C-alpha atoms as a PDB file:
ATOM      1  CA  MET A   1       6.788 -54.344  -8.245  1.00  0.00           C
ATOM      2  CA  ASP A   2       6.714 -58.098  -8.119  1.00  0.00           C
ATOM      3  CA  ALA A   3       4.868 -59.762 -10.980  1.00  0.00           C
ATOM      4  CA  TYR A   4       2.560 -61.696  -8.640  1.00  0.00           C
ATOM      5  CA  VAL A   5       1.497 -58.559  -6.794  1.00  0.00           C
ATOM      6  CA  LEU A   6       0.965 -56.680 -10.041  1.00  0.00           C
ATOM      7  CA  GLY A   7      -1.053 -59.533 -11.528  1.00  0.00           C
ATOM      8  CA  THR A   8      -3.245 -59.875  -8.439  1.00  0.00           C
ATOM      9  CA  ALA A   9      -3.906 -56.139  -8.234  1.00  0.00           C
ATOM     10  CA  ALA A  10      -4.663 -55.976 -11.967  1.00  0.00           C
ATOM     11  CA  LEU A  11      -7.106 -58.863 -11.589  1.00  0.00           C
ATOM     12  CA  LEU A  12      -8.895 -57.106  -8.718  1.00  0.00           C
ATOM     13  CA  ALA A  13      -9.049 -53.787 -10.610  1.00  0.00           C
ATOM     14  CA  SER A  14     -10.408 -55.612 -13.658  1.00  0.00           C
ATOM     15  CA  GLY A  15     -13.052 -57.191 -11.438  1.00  0.00           C
ATOM     16  CA  LEU A  16     -14.072 -53.726 -10.263  1.00  0.00           C
ATOM     17  CA  PHE A  17     -14.325 -52.638 -13.893  1.00  0.00           C
ATOM     18  CA  VAL A  18     -16.604 -55.609 -14.660  1.00  0.00           C
ATOM     19  CA  CYS A  19     -18.801 -54.829 -11.628  1.00  0.00           C
ATOM     20  CA  GLY A  20     -19.108 -51.262 -12.885  1.00  0.00           C
ATOM     21  CA  ALA A  21     -20.029 -52.394 -16.385  1.00  0.00           C
ATOM     22  CA  VAL A  22     -22.693 -54.733 -14.986  1.00  0.00           C
ATOM     23  CA  ALA A  23     -24.100 -51.892 -12.867  1.00  0.00           C
ATOM     24  CA  VAL A  24     -24.291 -49.606 -15.906  1.00  0.00           C
ATOM     25  CA  ARG A  25     -25.934 -52.209 -18.113  1.00  0.00           C
ATOM     26  CA  THR A  26     -28.323 -53.996 -15.747  1.00  0.00           C
ATOM     27  CA  TYR A  27     -28.525 -51.720 -12.623  1.00  0.00           C
ATOM     28  CA  TRP A  28     -27.349 -54.693 -10.526  1.00  0.00           C
ATOM     29  CA  LEU A  29     -25.115 -53.882  -7.546  1.00  0.00           C
ATOM     30  CA  LEU A  30     -23.170 -55.938  -5.070  1.00  0.00           C
ATOM     31  CA  PRO A  31     -25.348 -56.809  -2.049  1.00  0.00           C
ATOM     32  CA  TRP A  32     -23.541 -54.530   0.420  1.00  0.00           C
ATOM     33  CA  LEU A  33     -23.982 -51.514  -1.888  1.00  0.00           C
ATOM     34  CA  ARG A  34     -27.710 -51.883  -2.562  1.00  0.00           C
ATOM     35  CA  SER A  35     -28.986 -50.167   0.583  1.00  0.00           C
ATOM     36  CA  ARG A  36     -27.056 -46.921   0.180  1.00  0.00           C
ATOM     37  CA  THR A  37     -26.661 -46.505  -3.586  1.00  0.00           C
ATOM     38  CA  VAL A  38     -29.484 -44.492  -5.139  1.00  0.00           C
ATOM     39  CA  ARG A  39     -28.213 -44.426  -8.739  1.00  0.00           C
ATOM     40  CA  PRO A  40     -26.513 -47.688  -9.758  1.00  0.00           C
ATOM     41  CA  GLU A  41     -25.683 -46.502 -13.267  1.00  0.00           C
ATOM     42  CA  MET A  42     -23.663 -43.560 -11.946  1.00  0.00           C
ATOM     43  CA  TRP A  43     -21.930 -45.857  -9.448  1.00  0.00           C
ATOM     44  CA  GLY A  44     -20.982 -48.138 -12.332  1.00  0.00           C
ATOM     45  CA  TYR A  45     -19.427 -45.308 -14.330  1.00  0.00           C
ATOM     46  CA  GLY A  46     -17.482 -44.261 -11.236  1.00  0.00           C
ATOM     47  CA  ALA A  47     -16.233 -47.790 -10.672  1.00  0.00           C
ATOM     48  CA  MET A  48     -15.084 -48.060 -14.278  1.00  0.00           C
ATOM     49  CA  LEU A  49     -13.267 -44.705 -14.110  1.00  0.00           C
ATOM     50  CA  SER A  50     -11.569 -45.605 -10.827  1.00  0.00           C
ATOM     51  CA  SER A  51     -10.425 -48.985 -12.039  1.00  0.00           C
ATOM     52  CA  ALA A  52      -9.184 -47.563 -15.353  1.00  0.00           C
ATOM     53  CA  GLY A  53      -7.092 -45.004 -13.463  1.00  0.00           C
ATOM     54  CA  LEU A  54      -5.729 -47.662 -11.143  1.00  0.00           C
ATOM     55  CA  LEU A  55      -4.861 -49.967 -14.027  1.00  0.00           C
ATOM     56  CA  LEU A  56      -3.149 -47.106 -15.879  1.00  0.00           C
ATOM     57  CA  GLN A  57      -0.986 -46.238 -12.885  1.00  0.00           C
ATOM     58  CA  MET A  58      -0.146 -49.854 -12.085  1.00  0.00           C
ATOM     59  CA  THR A  59       0.769 -50.979 -15.554  1.00  0.00           C
ATOM     60  CA  TYR A  60       2.585 -47.932 -16.876  1.00  0.00           C
ATOM     61  CA  GLY A  61       5.492 -48.193 -14.424  1.00  0.00           C
ATOM     62  CA  PRO A  62       6.483 -51.847 -14.976  1.00  0.00           C
ATOM     63  CA  VAL A  63       5.641 -51.831 -18.682  1.00  0.00           C
ATOM     64  CA  THR A  64       7.813 -49.040 -20.068  1.00  0.00           C
ATOM     65  CA  VAL A  65       7.102 -48.557 -23.733  1.00  0.00           C
ATOM     66  CA  PHE A  66       8.492 -45.049 -24.117  1.00  0.00           C
ATOM     67  CA  HIS A  67      11.847 -45.721 -22.398  1.00  0.00           C
ATOM     68  CA  ASN A  68      11.232 -43.668 -19.240  1.00  0.00           C
ATOM     69  CA  SER A  69      10.243 -40.372 -20.803  1.00  0.00           C
ATOM     70  CA  GLU A  70       9.612 -37.946 -17.933  1.00  0.00           C
ATOM     71  CA  THR A  71       6.833 -36.175 -19.813  1.00  0.00           C
ATOM     72  CA  VAL A  72       4.920 -39.376 -20.506  1.00  0.00           C
ATOM     73  CA  ASP A  73       5.539 -40.607 -16.942  1.00  0.00           C
ATOM     74  CA  SER A  74       4.037 -37.411 -15.538  1.00  0.00           C
ATOM     75  CA  ALA A  75       1.120 -37.472 -17.966  1.00  0.00           C
ATOM     76  CA  ALA A  76       0.306 -41.105 -17.118  1.00  0.00           C
ATOM     77  CA  PHE A  77       0.478 -40.380 -13.387  1.00  0.00           C
ATOM     78  CA  ILE A  78      -1.724 -37.283 -13.601  1.00  0.00           C
ATOM     79  CA  THR A  79      -4.219 -38.950 -15.940  1.00  0.00           C
ATOM     80  CA  GLY A  80      -4.511 -41.982 -13.674  1.00  0.00           C
ATOM     81  CA  MET A  81      -4.963 -39.808 -10.610  1.00  0.00           C
ATOM     82  CA  LEU A  82      -7.641 -37.683 -12.301  1.00  0.00           C
ATOM     83  CA  LEU A  83      -9.494 -40.810 -13.424  1.00  0.00           C
ATOM     84  CA  MET A  84      -9.500 -42.172  -9.877  1.00  0.00           C
ATOM     85  CA  ILE A  85     -10.682 -38.853  -8.426  1.00  0.00           C
ATOM     86  CA  ALA A  86     -13.461 -38.553 -11.021  1.00  0.00           C
ATOM     87  CA  GLY A  87     -14.522 -42.141 -10.324  1.00  0.00           C
ATOM     88  CA  ALA A  88     -14.634 -41.536  -6.582  1.00  0.00           C
ATOM     89  CA  TRP A  89     -16.700 -38.380  -7.181  1.00  0.00           C
ATOM     90  CA  PHE A  90     -19.192 -40.296  -9.347  1.00  0.00           C
ATOM     91  CA  GLN A  91     -19.489 -43.000  -6.704  1.00  0.00           C
ATOM     92  CA  LEU A  92     -20.080 -40.362  -4.028  1.00  0.00           C
ATOM     93  CA  LEU A  93     -22.795 -38.708  -6.111  1.00  0.00           C
ATOM     94  CA  ALA A  94     -24.399 -42.104  -6.722  1.00  0.00           C
ATOM     95  CA  SER A  95     -25.208 -42.343  -3.015  1.00  0.00           C
ATOM     96  CA  ARG A  96     -26.941 -38.953  -2.939  1.00  0.00           C
ATOM     97  CA  HIS A  97     -30.472 -38.232  -4.088  1.00  0.00           C
ATOM     98  CA  PRO A  98     -30.693 -36.000  -7.172  1.00  0.00           C
ATOM     99  CA  LEU A  99     -31.457 -32.338  -6.565  1.00  0.00           C
ATOM    100  CA  GLY A 100     -35.067 -31.329  -7.015  1.00  0.00           C
ATOM    101  CA  LYS A 101     -36.539 -34.703  -6.089  1.00  0.00           C
END
């Protein structure tokens, strides 16, 4: 992956992480998310999980620390994918009303 593309994508994923942290701390959401998000704190945790998974998958390939170990490659891929799926699930649940209310 080209360094410019990797840097731009990492900057965007880091921005998503910051938006999630702000949502967790202050309950503030981006304007286009305010009408449909019921629980901003849960959305923030989902955004942070998704961006952490994306950053893990993007940076592990170009930055090889363990000299292309297949086990670590597979573990990083699976961990990143699970983080992104969990983040998407949290963001989906953030747009639903809690049960019993």
